[in-house]
Structure formats: C-alpha cells, structure tokens
Amino acid sequence: MQLPVQSQSTLYAEGWEAEAGPDDLLEIARAADRAGFDYLAGCDHVAIPRRLAAAMSTVWYDPVATLAFLAAATERVRLLSHVAIVGLRHPLLTAKQYATLDHLSGGRLVLGVGAGHVQEEFEALGVDFRQRGPVLDECLDALRAALGPEEFPEHHGKLYDFEGLGQRPRPAQDRVPVWVGGSSPPAVRRAALKGDGWLPQGDPRDRLPGQIARIRELREQGCLQGPFTVGAIVEPLYVGTPRWEVGRRTLTGGPRELAESLRAYRAMGVHQIQVRFRSRSRSELTDQIAAFGAEVAPEL
C-alpha cells in the first residue's frame, strides 16, 4: 500500500490526514507489517509550484527519510519509493541514499522510479524538463552500476561519467529491484527494457491486459530473461459494509466478495496489487488493514 499522510494530493487524501503526523505513520506502518503486507510506499516531490498547490498540496514527505524512519519501526515489510524522480538528482547521490536505506533495513528496498511531471520542479533544480525521459533512461543505467556489488562503480554516458569513486555501505541485496512507474508508451517501454517491474499509474482494469501484453512483447523482442513484476493500483476498498458514503468506485463487501473481484487482476497477469482503503480516521484505517490481512488476503 501507498502510505497516507506522507503525500496529500486531493485525488486520494482523506480528510483526517491533514492533521496527522509521524505517530500516525508509525502506527499505520506497523499495522501493515503485522498484517502481512508486502510493501509500504512513499512518494517523491521536492517542491510544488503555487499553481498546483491547491490540487496537489505541498505535503510531500521525502521518501528516503520517511522510509528509513519506518524501517526502524517495522520488521519484514519492504520499502518502496513510488516513485522516486531520480532524474532530479545525480545518480551517485541517489545511490548513496538508497544503498544506505537498503543496508540499514536489511535489504528491504524496492526502488520505484518515474520521469516526473512538474515542470517548475525541474527548472528550479536545473534539469531540462523536456529531456526528462532520456535523463531517466541514463539514470537507470547509472544506478544499475552504482547500486551493484562494486565498491567503486563505473558508468560512462552522455550525462553522467564516473569511475574510481567508492561508496560504502553497499546495498544489503545483491540486486536492488527497480520498478518503473508510468503508463505512457515511453514509460511502458522503459519498464519492459530497463526495469525489474512495472508500476502503472491509474490504468483501469480494461486497459491493463493490453499494457501487460505490450510489456511481454517488448521483453521478448529484447531477449530479456529473468523475473519481472507486474503491478496494479486497484480501486479504493472498504472491507465490510460501510455506514458512510465511500464513493461509487469503491469496492465494498465481505472478504470473499472482495477477493473474487481482486482475483481478476491475477488472471490478467498482475503479480502484486497496491491497495488503498477509505477511512475517516487512523483507527478506521488500521482496522481496515487488519481486516484485509486476516480475512481477504487468505482468499487471494
């Protein structure tokens, strides 16, 4: 699941999150860890321009700091950046931050990356917004080297060039999984050819099969082998019968009813689903997390 509180876009934030803080994040992360969730995710934006602040809000916790904070309070749940806009930073800086996070968490990092979409953010940091796709492509190549096993990684590209510079600690994992976010044709291609997984952004159910088929086609054409994780963000959920208005798109009902609906994603070729629960308070959210882990997940 994507963590609440740490990003508060009007597209998905619940009303109670505006007054929430670190203690709420801790309790939610611990609840997900106990319930058997696979990962917790945090978003990445450095600064939001005034023109977008009303819709996006300016509440965007730093993902490295937030996930490191929660790593110390959890035991097994993985830690996903969904997504890190890695093109805003030099790959050696990104590698230092995320390698340290993986080291401190005992190998629980999943590095989710994306191209970004806020032009002013790029301009303020001196990065060409129009070239963010090619920048991300080279960042991925550079990060493969910088997050690999070598103490002195090496990369020679058009934008970044380094060798003979040592970075320790190394990641705890032999290979940090890199999942690529986005649903545009370039993002899907990037995920298929350069990633270990794909994180779609807002694809409805009826669009996913075609996207997944395209990824398989691209990987076959590129003769790419090995595991590849296909994800999906499912409709908002509420376990049980809500006594308040949860929205017409929200999936509600008992465990078997919800599980039957969610199993359709597996039939499409999806490997992991990211869930979001409607809630009016932290306690209602942690109750939903617990109910899903105990009652719905076994049916999946």
C-alpha atoms as a PDB file:
ATOM      1  CA  MET A   1       0.000   0.000   0.000  1.00  0.00           C
ATOM      2  CA  GLN A   2       0.932   3.630  -0.537  1.00  0.00           C
ATOM      3  CA  LEU A   3       1.236   5.291   2.845  1.00  0.00           C
ATOM      4  CA  PRO A   4      -1.265   8.006   3.708  1.00  0.00           C
ATOM      5  CA  VAL A   5      -0.195  11.265   5.387  1.00  0.00           C
ATOM      6  CA  GLN A   6       3.173  11.467   3.578  1.00  0.00           C
ATOM      7  CA  SER A   7       1.550  12.777   0.380  1.00  0.00           C
ATOM      8  CA  GLN A   8      -1.765  14.576   0.369  1.00  0.00           C
ATOM      9  CA  SER A   9      -2.981  15.176  -3.154  1.00  0.00           C
ATOM     10  CA  THR A  10      -6.702  15.900  -3.303  1.00  0.00           C
ATOM     11  CA  LEU A  11      -7.012  12.910  -5.657  1.00  0.00           C
ATOM     12  CA  TYR A  12      -6.696  10.467  -2.774  1.00  0.00           C
ATOM     13  CA  ALA A  13      -6.052  12.060   0.639  1.00  0.00           C
ATOM     14  CA  GLU A  14      -8.680  11.522   3.323  1.00  0.00           C
ATOM     15  CA  GLY A  15      -9.843  14.440   5.462  1.00  0.00           C
ATOM     16  CA  TRP A  16      -8.209  13.228   8.683  1.00  0.00           C
ATOM     17  CA  GLU A  17      -4.729  13.161   7.127  1.00  0.00           C
ATOM     18  CA  ALA A  18      -4.387  16.968   7.204  1.00  0.00           C
ATOM     19  CA  GLU A  19      -3.875  16.900  10.972  1.00  0.00           C
ATOM     20  CA  ALA A  20      -1.891  13.641  11.040  1.00  0.00           C
ATOM     21  CA  GLY A  21       1.842  13.246  11.533  1.00  0.00           C
ATOM     22  CA  PRO A  22       4.740  10.912  12.414  1.00  0.00           C
ATOM     23  CA  ASP A  23       2.898   8.956  15.121  1.00  0.00           C
ATOM     24  CA  ASP A  24       0.118   8.139  12.675  1.00  0.00           C
ATOM     25  CA  LEU A  25       2.613   6.996  10.038  1.00  0.00           C
ATOM     26  CA  LEU A  26       4.283   4.734  12.587  1.00  0.00           C
ATOM     27  CA  GLU A  27       1.044   3.064  13.647  1.00  0.00           C
ATOM     28  CA  ILE A  28      -0.097   2.553  10.058  1.00  0.00           C
ATOM     29  CA  ALA A  29       3.262   1.095   9.011  1.00  0.00           C
ATOM     30  CA  ARG A  30       3.288  -1.274  11.983  1.00  0.00           C
ATOM     31  CA  ALA A  31      -0.288  -2.347  11.211  1.00  0.00           C
ATOM     32  CA  ALA A  32       0.647  -3.167   7.612  1.00  0.00           C
ATOM     33  CA  ASP A  33       3.753  -5.030   8.776  1.00  0.00           C
ATOM     34  CA  ARG A  34       1.694  -7.144  11.198  1.00  0.00           C
ATOM     35  CA  ALA A  35      -0.998  -7.794   8.576  1.00  0.00           C
ATOM     36  CA  GLY A  36       1.491  -9.325   6.129  1.00  0.00           C
ATOM     37  CA  PHE A  37       1.540  -6.576   3.509  1.00  0.00           C
ATOM     38  CA  ASP A  38       4.381  -6.897   1.016  1.00  0.00           C
ATOM     39  CA  TYR A  39       5.477  -3.262   0.893  1.00  0.00           C
ATOM     40  CA  LEU A  40       4.883   0.278   2.081  1.00  0.00           C
ATOM     41  CA  ALA A  41       5.375   3.087  -0.422  1.00  0.00           C
ATOM     42  CA  GLY A  42       6.251   6.766  -0.250  1.00  0.00           C
ATOM     43  CA  CYS A  43       6.124   9.460  -2.945  1.00  0.00           C
ATOM     44  CA  ASP A  44       8.717  11.969  -4.148  1.00  0.00           C
ATOM     45  CA  HIS A  45       8.333  15.662  -4.926  1.00  0.00           C
ATOM     46  CA  VAL A  46      10.900  18.299  -3.980  1.00  0.00           C
ATOM     47  CA  ALA A  47       8.681  21.374  -4.339  1.00  0.00           C
ATOM     48  CA  ILE A  48       5.178  22.104  -5.645  1.00  0.00           C
ATOM     49  CA  PRO A  49       4.521  25.297  -7.621  1.00  0.00           C
ATOM     50  CA  ARG A  50       1.795  27.625  -6.410  1.00  0.00           C
ATOM     51  CA  ARG A  51      -0.352  26.910  -9.484  1.00  0.00           C
ATOM     52  CA  LEU A  52      -0.650  23.226  -8.485  1.00  0.00           C
ATOM     53  CA  ALA A  53      -0.693  23.573  -4.712  1.00  0.00           C
ATOM     54  CA  ALA A  54      -4.490  23.600  -4.355  1.00  0.00           C
ATOM     55  CA  ALA A  55      -4.806  20.233  -6.107  1.00  0.00           C
ATOM     56  CA  MET A  56      -1.544  18.509  -5.189  1.00  0.00           C
ATOM     57  CA  SER A  57      -0.978  20.212  -1.799  1.00  0.00           C
ATOM     58  CA  THR A  58       2.572  20.930  -0.661  1.00  0.00           C
ATOM     59  CA  VAL A  59       2.670  17.945   1.725  1.00  0.00           C
ATOM     60  CA  TRP A  60       5.184  15.538   0.229  1.00  0.00           C
ATOM     61  CA  TYR A  61       7.483  13.864   2.743  1.00  0.00           C
ATOM     62  CA  ASP A  62      10.945  12.955   1.485  1.00  0.00           C
ATOM     63  CA  PRO A  63      10.795   9.237   0.605  1.00  0.00           C
ATOM     64  CA  VAL A  64      14.292   8.298   1.797  1.00  0.00           C
ATOM     65  CA  ALA A  65      13.865   9.962   5.181  1.00  0.00           C
ATOM     66  CA  THR A  66      10.334   8.598   5.602  1.00  0.00           C
ATOM     67  CA  LEU A  67      11.130   5.014   4.609  1.00  0.00           C
ATOM     68  CA  ALA A  68      14.257   4.980   6.795  1.00  0.00           C
ATOM     69  CA  PHE A  69      12.173   6.251   9.717  1.00  0.00           C
ATOM     70  CA  LEU A  70       9.667   3.453   9.198  1.00  0.00           C
ATOM     71  CA  ALA A  71      12.305   0.786   8.557  1.00  0.00           C
ATOM     72  CA  ALA A  72      13.395   1.079  12.183  1.00  0.00           C
ATOM     73  CA  ALA A  73       9.806   0.588  13.371  1.00  0.00           C
ATOM     74  CA  THR A  74       8.963  -2.458  11.215  1.00  0.00           C
ATOM     75  CA  GLU A  75      10.401  -5.940  10.802  1.00  0.00           C
ATOM     76  CA  ARG A  76       9.659  -7.506   7.434  1.00  0.00           C
ATOM     77  CA  VAL A  77       7.635  -5.243   5.156  1.00  0.00           C
ATOM     78  CA  ARG A  78       9.505  -3.959   2.105  1.00  0.00           C
ATOM     79  CA  LEU A  79      10.087  -0.257   1.433  1.00  0.00           C
ATOM     80  CA  LEU A  80       9.147   1.150  -1.977  1.00  0.00           C
ATOM     81  CA  SER A  81       9.728   4.590  -3.449  1.00  0.00           C
ATOM     82  CA  HIS A  82       6.615   5.125  -5.553  1.00  0.00           C
ATOM     83  CA  VAL A  83       8.048   6.841  -7.348  1.00  0.00           C
ATOM     84  CA  ALA A  84      11.431   8.495  -6.935  1.00  0.00           C
ATOM     85  CA  ILE A  85      12.047  11.164  -9.575  1.00  0.00           C
ATOM     86  CA  VAL A  86      15.665  10.124  -9.886  1.00  0.00           C
ATOM     87  CA  GLY A  87      16.359  12.460 -12.808  1.00  0.00           C
ATOM     88  CA  LEU A  88      16.273  15.409 -10.393  1.00  0.00           C
ATOM     89  CA  ARG A  89      19.455  14.202  -8.688  1.00  0.00           C
ATOM     90  CA  HIS A  90      22.864  12.902  -9.695  1.00  0.00           C
ATOM     91  CA  PRO A  91      22.829   9.071  -9.742  1.00  0.00           C
ATOM     92  CA  LEU A  92      25.687   8.879  -7.223  1.00  0.00           C
ATOM     93  CA  LEU A  93      23.635  10.924  -4.756  1.00  0.00           C
ATOM     94  CA  THR A  94      20.571   8.740  -5.330  1.00  0.00           C
ATOM     95  CA  ALA A  95      22.676   5.602  -4.986  1.00  0.00           C
ATOM     96  CA  LYS A  96      24.232   6.806  -1.721  1.00  0.00           C
ATOM     97  CA  GLN A  97      20.813   7.494  -0.195  1.00  0.00           C
ATOM     98  CA  TYR A  98      19.057   4.323  -1.305  1.00  0.00           C
ATOM     99  CA  ALA A  99      22.031   1.998  -0.774  1.00  0.00           C
ATOM    100  CA  THR A 100      22.191   3.250   2.806  1.00  0.00           C
ATOM    101  CA  LEU A 101      18.463   2.675   3.212  1.00  0.00           C
ATOM    102  CA  ASP A 102      18.785  -0.881   1.902  1.00  0.00           C
ATOM    103  CA  HIS A 103      21.770  -1.518   4.180  1.00  0.00           C
ATOM    104  CA  LEU A 104      20.032  -0.168   7.288  1.00  0.00           C
ATOM    105  CA  SER A 105      16.777  -2.035   6.591  1.00  0.00           C
ATOM    106  CA  GLY A 106      18.430  -5.388   5.977  1.00  0.00           C
ATOM    107  CA  GLY A 107      17.696  -5.495   2.256  1.00  0.00           C
ATOM    108  CA  ARG A 108      14.057  -4.367   2.133  1.00  0.00           C
ATOM    109  CA  LEU A 109      14.313  -1.657  -0.541  1.00  0.00           C
ATOM    110  CA  VAL A 110      12.407  -1.644  -3.827  1.00  0.00           C
ATOM    111  CA  LEU A 111      13.472   1.354  -5.906  1.00  0.00           C
ATOM    112  CA  GLY A 112      10.478   2.669  -7.833  1.00  0.00           C
ATOM    113  CA  VAL A 113      11.359   5.361 -10.365  1.00  0.00           C
ATOM    114  CA  GLY A 114       9.478   7.703 -12.657  1.00  0.00           C
ATOM    115  CA  ALA A 115      10.080  10.568 -15.071  1.00  0.00           C
ATOM    116  CA  GLY A 116       8.170  13.259 -13.162  1.00  0.00           C
ATOM    117  CA  HIS A 117       5.580  15.731 -14.420  1.00  0.00           C
ATOM    118  CA  VAL A 118       6.020  19.111 -12.649  1.00  0.00           C
ATOM    119  CA  GLN A 119       7.962  21.418 -14.954  1.00  0.00           C
ATOM    120  CA  GLU A 120       8.783  24.094 -12.373  1.00  0.00           C
ATOM    121  CA  GLU A 121      10.347  21.473 -10.117  1.00  0.00           C
ATOM    122  CA  PHE A 122      12.817  20.534 -12.849  1.00  0.00           C
ATOM    123  CA  GLU A 123      13.566  24.149 -13.733  1.00  0.00           C
ATOM    124  CA  ALA A 124      14.294  25.083 -10.116  1.00  0.00           C
ATOM    125  CA  LEU A 125      16.799  22.236  -9.843  1.00  0.00           C
ATOM    126  CA  GLY A 126      18.455  22.952 -13.183  1.00  0.00           C
ATOM    127  CA  VAL A 127      17.217  19.859 -15.032  1.00  0.00           C
ATOM    128  CA  ASP A 128      15.784  20.038 -18.564  1.00  0.00           C
ATOM    129  CA  PHE A 129      12.115  19.070 -18.235  1.00  0.00           C
ATOM    130  CA  ARG A 130      11.786  18.348 -21.965  1.00  0.00           C
ATOM    131  CA  GLN A 131      14.583  15.777 -21.753  1.00  0.00           C
ATOM    132  CA  ARG A 132      13.337  14.036 -18.611  1.00  0.00           C
ATOM    133  CA  GLY A 133      12.752  10.759 -20.480  1.00  0.00           C
ATOM    134  CA  PRO A 134      16.329  10.407 -21.812  1.00  0.00           C
ATOM    135  CA  VAL A 135      17.641  11.644 -18.450  1.00  0.00           C
ATOM    136  CA  LEU A 136      15.732   8.884 -16.656  1.00  0.00           C
ATOM    137  CA  ASP A 137      16.954   6.284 -19.156  1.00  0.00           C
ATOM    138  CA  GLU A 138      20.590   7.109 -18.430  1.00  0.00           C
ATOM    139  CA  CYS A 139      19.909   7.430 -14.703  1.00  0.00           C
ATOM    140  CA  LEU A 140      18.672   3.844 -14.723  1.00  0.00           C
ATOM    141  CA  ASP A 141      21.871   2.623 -16.380  1.00  0.00           C
ATOM    142  CA  ALA A 142      23.996   4.629 -13.955  1.00  0.00           C
ATOM    143  CA  LEU A 143      22.014   3.401 -10.944  1.00  0.00           C
ATOM    144  CA  ARG A 144      22.401  -0.224 -12.014  1.00  0.00           C
ATOM    145  CA  ALA A 145      26.147   0.301 -11.714  1.00  0.00           C
ATOM    146  CA  ALA A 146      26.049   2.449  -8.582  1.00  0.00           C
ATOM    147  CA  LEU A 147      23.707   0.084  -6.703  1.00  0.00           C
ATOM    148  CA  GLY A 148      25.551  -3.035  -7.795  1.00  0.00           C
ATOM    149  CA  PRO A 149      28.124  -5.014  -5.813  1.00  0.00           C
ATOM    150  CA  GLU A 150      31.187  -2.946  -6.745  1.00  0.00           C
ATOM    151  CA  GLU A 151      32.624  -0.570  -4.152  1.00  0.00           C
ATOM    152  CA  PHE A 152      33.941   1.604  -6.991  1.00  0.00           C
ATOM    153  CA  PRO A 153      31.109   1.659  -9.578  1.00  0.00           C
ATOM    154  CA  GLU A 154      31.739   2.800 -13.128  1.00  0.00           C
ATOM    155  CA  HIS A 155      29.477   4.493 -15.668  1.00  0.00           C
ATOM    156  CA  HIS A 156      30.308   6.443 -18.826  1.00  0.00           C
ATOM    157  CA  GLY A 157      27.368   8.140 -20.527  1.00  0.00           C
ATOM    158  CA  LYS A 158      26.286  11.346 -22.190  1.00  0.00           C
ATOM    159  CA  LEU A 159      25.090  12.985 -18.982  1.00  0.00           C
ATOM    160  CA  TYR A 160      26.928  11.202 -16.190  1.00  0.00           C
ATOM    161  CA  ASP A 161      30.503   9.962 -16.080  1.00  0.00           C
ATOM    162  CA  PHE A 162      32.130   8.414 -13.037  1.00  0.00           C
ATOM    163  CA  GLU A 163      34.682   5.821 -12.002  1.00  0.00           C
ATOM    164  CA  GLY A 164      37.211   5.414  -9.216  1.00  0.00           C
ATOM    165  CA  LEU A 165      34.797   6.811  -6.611  1.00  0.00           C
ATOM    166  CA  GLY A 166      33.994   4.414  -3.791  1.00  0.00           C
ATOM    167  CA  GLN A 167      30.670   4.209  -1.984  1.00  0.00           C
ATOM    168  CA  ARG A 168      30.029   2.188   1.123  1.00  0.00           C
ATOM    169  CA  PRO A 169      27.950   0.801   2.679  1.00  0.00           C
ATOM    170  CA  ARG A 170      26.811  -1.290  -0.273  1.00  0.00           C
ATOM    171  CA  PRO A 171      23.164  -2.392  -0.517  1.00  0.00           C
ATOM    172  CA  ALA A 172      22.327  -5.495   1.502  1.00  0.00           C
ATOM    173  CA  GLN A 173      20.681  -7.024  -1.579  1.00  0.00           C
ATOM    174  CA  ASP A 174      22.809  -8.435  -4.385  1.00  0.00           C
ATOM    175  CA  ARG A 175      20.452  -6.709  -6.822  1.00  0.00           C
ATOM    176  CA  VAL A 176      18.111  -3.947  -5.732  1.00  0.00           C
ATOM    177  CA  PRO A 177      14.842  -4.410  -7.659  1.00  0.00           C
ATOM    178  CA  VAL A 178      13.962  -1.412  -9.824  1.00  0.00           C
ATOM    179  CA  TRP A 179      10.321  -0.915 -10.742  1.00  0.00           C
ATOM    180  CA  VAL A 180       9.443   1.709 -13.346  1.00  0.00           C
ATOM    181  CA  GLY A 181       6.283   3.771 -12.904  1.00  0.00           C
ATOM    182  CA  GLY A 182       4.066   5.308 -15.540  1.00  0.00           C
ATOM    183  CA  SER A 183       1.511   4.284 -18.154  1.00  0.00           C
ATOM    184  CA  SER A 184       2.542   6.280 -21.229  1.00  0.00           C
ATOM    185  CA  PRO A 185       4.085   4.335 -24.131  1.00  0.00           C
ATOM    186  CA  PRO A 186       7.631   5.538 -23.254  1.00  0.00           C
ATOM    187  CA  ALA A 187       7.143   4.562 -19.597  1.00  0.00           C
ATOM    188  CA  VAL A 188       5.854   1.094 -20.510  1.00  0.00           C
ATOM    189  CA  ARG A 189       8.789   0.597 -22.876  1.00  0.00           C
ATOM    190  CA  ARG A 190      11.233   1.791 -20.214  1.00  0.00           C
ATOM    191  CA  ALA A 191       9.767  -0.605 -17.676  1.00  0.00           C
ATOM    192  CA  ALA A 192       9.940  -3.548 -20.059  1.00  0.00           C
ATOM    193  CA  LEU A 193      13.503  -2.934 -21.240  1.00  0.00           C
ATOM    194  CA  LYS A 194      15.202  -1.408 -18.200  1.00  0.00           C
ATOM    195  CA  GLY A 195      13.178  -2.424 -15.147  1.00  0.00           C
ATOM    196  CA  ASP A 196      12.545  -5.405 -12.925  1.00  0.00           C
ATOM    197  CA  GLY A 197       8.898  -4.448 -12.671  1.00  0.00           C
ATOM    198  CA  TRP A 198       6.168  -2.051 -13.766  1.00  0.00           C
ATOM    199  CA  LEU A 199       4.030   0.272 -11.639  1.00  0.00           C
ATOM    200  CA  PRO A 200       1.087   1.523 -13.723  1.00  0.00           C
ATOM    201  CA  GLN A 201      -0.370   4.899 -12.860  1.00  0.00           C
ATOM    202  CA  GLY A 202      -4.130   4.900 -12.960  1.00  0.00           C
ATOM    203  CA  ASP A 203      -4.761   2.286 -15.646  1.00  0.00           C
ATOM    204  CA  PRO A 204      -8.349   0.992 -15.331  1.00  0.00           C
ATOM    205  CA  ARG A 205      -8.926  -2.752 -15.404  1.00  0.00           C
ATOM    206  CA  ASP A 206      -9.894  -2.879 -19.056  1.00  0.00           C
ATOM    207  CA  ARG A 207      -6.632  -1.233 -20.145  1.00  0.00           C
ATOM    208  CA  LEU A 208      -4.251  -3.444 -18.174  1.00  0.00           C
ATOM    209  CA  PRO A 209      -4.302  -6.577 -20.380  1.00  0.00           C
ATOM    210  CA  GLY A 210      -3.139  -4.603 -23.406  1.00  0.00           C
ATOM    211  CA  GLN A 211      -0.390  -2.895 -21.421  1.00  0.00           C
ATOM    212  CA  ILE A 212       0.814  -6.204 -19.996  1.00  0.00           C
ATOM    213  CA  ALA A 213       0.817  -7.795 -23.451  1.00  0.00           C
ATOM    214  CA  ARG A 214       2.923  -4.900 -24.737  1.00  0.00           C
ATOM    215  CA  ILE A 215       5.466  -5.403 -21.946  1.00  0.00           C
ATOM    216  CA  ARG A 216       5.725  -9.107 -22.728  1.00  0.00           C
ATOM    217  CA  GLU A 217       6.174  -8.332 -26.413  1.00  0.00           C
ATOM    218  CA  LEU A 218       8.940  -5.812 -25.749  1.00  0.00           C
ATOM    219  CA  ARG A 219      10.779  -8.151 -23.405  1.00  0.00           C
ATOM    220  CA  GLU A 220      10.586 -10.992 -25.907  1.00  0.00           C
ATOM    221  CA  GLN A 221      11.902  -8.733 -28.659  1.00  0.00           C
ATOM    222  CA  GLY A 222      14.761  -7.684 -26.385  1.00  0.00           C
ATOM    223  CA  CYS A 223      15.506 -11.307 -25.426  1.00  0.00           C
ATOM    224  CA  LEU A 224      15.173 -10.333 -21.771  1.00  0.00           C
ATOM    225  CA  GLN A 225      15.005 -13.158 -19.251  1.00  0.00           C
ATOM    226  CA  GLY A 226      14.518 -13.309 -15.505  1.00  0.00           C
ATOM    227  CA  PRO A 227      11.733 -12.318 -13.139  1.00  0.00           C
ATOM    228  CA  PHE A 228       9.589  -9.283 -13.882  1.00  0.00           C
ATOM    229  CA  THR A 229       6.919  -7.953 -11.519  1.00  0.00           C
ATOM    230  CA  VAL A 230       3.713  -6.505 -12.929  1.00  0.00           C
ATOM    231  CA  GLY A 231       1.794  -4.313 -10.516  1.00  0.00           C
ATOM    232  CA  ALA A 232      -1.583  -2.609 -10.427  1.00  0.00           C
ATOM    233  CA  ILE A 233      -3.279   0.024  -8.311  1.00  0.00           C
ATOM    234  CA  VAL A 234      -6.737  -1.296  -7.531  1.00  0.00           C
ATOM    235  CA  GLU A 235      -9.955   0.569  -6.868  1.00  0.00           C
ATOM    236  CA  PRO A 236     -10.427   2.036  -3.369  1.00  0.00           C
ATOM    237  CA  LEU A 237     -11.508  -0.635  -0.897  1.00  0.00           C
ATOM    238  CA  TYR A 238     -13.646  -0.944   2.194  1.00  0.00           C
ATOM    239  CA  VAL A 239     -13.809  -4.299   3.973  1.00  0.00           C
ATOM    240  CA  GLY A 240     -17.361  -4.847   5.139  1.00  0.00           C
ATOM    241  CA  THR A 241     -20.494  -2.751   4.725  1.00  0.00           C
ATOM    242  CA  PRO A 242     -19.734   0.956   5.142  1.00  0.00           C
ATOM    243  CA  ARG A 243     -22.120   3.137   7.120  1.00  0.00           C
ATOM    244  CA  TRP A 244     -20.976   6.261   5.299  1.00  0.00           C
ATOM    245  CA  GLU A 245     -20.536   7.420   1.720  1.00  0.00           C
ATOM    246  CA  VAL A 246     -17.304   5.850   0.433  1.00  0.00           C
ATOM    247  CA  GLY A 247     -17.709   6.767  -3.243  1.00  0.00           C
ATOM    248  CA  ARG A 248     -19.225   4.876  -6.147  1.00  0.00           C
ATOM    249  CA  ARG A 249     -15.883   3.453  -7.383  1.00  0.00           C
ATOM    250  CA  THR A 250     -15.056   1.892  -4.023  1.00  0.00           C
ATOM    251  CA  LEU A 251     -15.152  -1.904  -3.792  1.00  0.00           C
ATOM    252  CA  THR A 252     -17.040  -2.948  -0.673  1.00  0.00           C
ATOM    253  CA  GLY A 253     -18.310  -6.186   0.806  1.00  0.00           C
ATOM    254  CA  GLY A 254     -17.233  -9.266   2.668  1.00  0.00           C
ATOM    255  CA  PRO A 255     -13.840 -10.961   2.326  1.00  0.00           C
ATOM    256  CA  ARG A 256     -14.893 -13.497  -0.286  1.00  0.00           C
ATOM    257  CA  GLU A 257     -16.701 -10.903  -2.356  1.00  0.00           C
ATOM    258  CA  LEU A 258     -13.689  -8.583  -2.372  1.00  0.00           C
ATOM    259  CA  ALA A 259     -11.262 -11.403  -3.054  1.00  0.00           C
ATOM    260  CA  GLU A 260     -13.298 -12.612  -6.010  1.00  0.00           C
ATOM    261  CA  SER A 261     -13.123  -9.151  -7.549  1.00  0.00           C
ATOM    262  CA  LEU A 262      -9.398  -8.736  -6.872  1.00  0.00           C
ATOM    263  CA  ARG A 263      -8.502 -12.159  -8.284  1.00  0.00           C
ATOM    264  CA  ALA A 264      -9.389 -10.747 -11.695  1.00  0.00           C
ATOM    265  CA  TYR A 265      -6.082  -8.886 -11.580  1.00  0.00           C
ATOM    266  CA  ARG A 266      -4.158 -12.124 -11.200  1.00  0.00           C
ATOM    267  CA  ALA A 267      -5.984 -13.547 -14.204  1.00  0.00           C
ATOM    268  CA  MET A 268      -4.691 -10.592 -16.256  1.00  0.00           C
ATOM    269  CA  GLY A 269      -1.097 -11.380 -15.340  1.00  0.00           C
ATOM    270  CA  VAL A 270      -0.688  -8.985 -12.416  1.00  0.00           C
ATOM    271  CA  HIS A 271       1.704 -10.140  -9.672  1.00  0.00           C
ATOM    272  CA  GLN A 272       1.124  -7.554  -6.955  1.00  0.00           C
ATOM    273  CA  ILE A 273      -1.715  -5.167  -6.200  1.00  0.00           C
ATOM    274  CA  GLN A 274      -1.436  -1.868  -4.381  1.00  0.00           C
ATOM    275  CA  VAL A 275      -4.487  -1.222  -2.221  1.00  0.00           C
ATOM    276  CA  ARG A 276      -5.978   1.906  -0.690  1.00  0.00           C
ATOM    277  CA  PHE A 277      -8.690   1.894   1.951  1.00  0.00           C
ATOM    278  CA  ARG A 278     -11.339   4.543   2.505  1.00  0.00           C
ATOM    279  CA  SER A 279     -11.235   5.759   6.085  1.00  0.00           C
ATOM    280  CA  ARG A 280     -12.324   8.581   8.396  1.00  0.00           C
ATOM    281  CA  SER A 281      -9.562   8.208  10.982  1.00  0.00           C
ATOM    282  CA  ARG A 282      -6.286   6.447  11.666  1.00  0.00           C
ATOM    283  CA  SER A 283      -8.033   3.825  13.762  1.00  0.00           C
ATOM    284  CA  GLU A 284     -10.524   3.047  10.997  1.00  0.00           C
ATOM    285  CA  LEU A 285      -7.639   2.680   8.552  1.00  0.00           C
ATOM    286  CA  THR A 286      -5.640   0.337  10.793  1.00  0.00           C
ATOM    287  CA  ASP A 287      -8.814  -1.698  11.373  1.00  0.00           C
ATOM    288  CA  GLN A 288      -9.258  -1.966   7.604  1.00  0.00           C
ATOM    289  CA  ILE A 289      -5.624  -3.037   7.172  1.00  0.00           C
ATOM    290  CA  ALA A 290      -6.000  -5.714   9.838  1.00  0.00           C
ATOM    291  CA  ALA A 291      -9.267  -6.995   8.383  1.00  0.00           C
ATOM    292  CA  PHE A 292      -7.805  -7.181   4.900  1.00  0.00           C
ATOM    293  CA  GLY A 293      -4.730  -9.083   6.114  1.00  0.00           C
ATOM    294  CA  ALA A 294      -6.718 -11.542   8.237  1.00  0.00           C
ATOM    295  CA  GLU A 295      -9.799 -12.070   6.099  1.00  0.00           C
ATOM    296  CA  VAL A 296      -9.274 -11.014   2.481  1.00  0.00           C
ATOM    297  CA  ALA A 297      -5.636 -11.918   1.836  1.00  0.00           C
ATOM    298  CA  PRO A 298      -6.115 -15.646   2.631  1.00  0.00           C
ATOM    299  CA  GLU A 299      -8.823 -15.737  -0.053  1.00  0.00           C
ATOM    300  CA  LEU A 300      -6.299 -14.412  -2.590  1.00  0.00           C
END
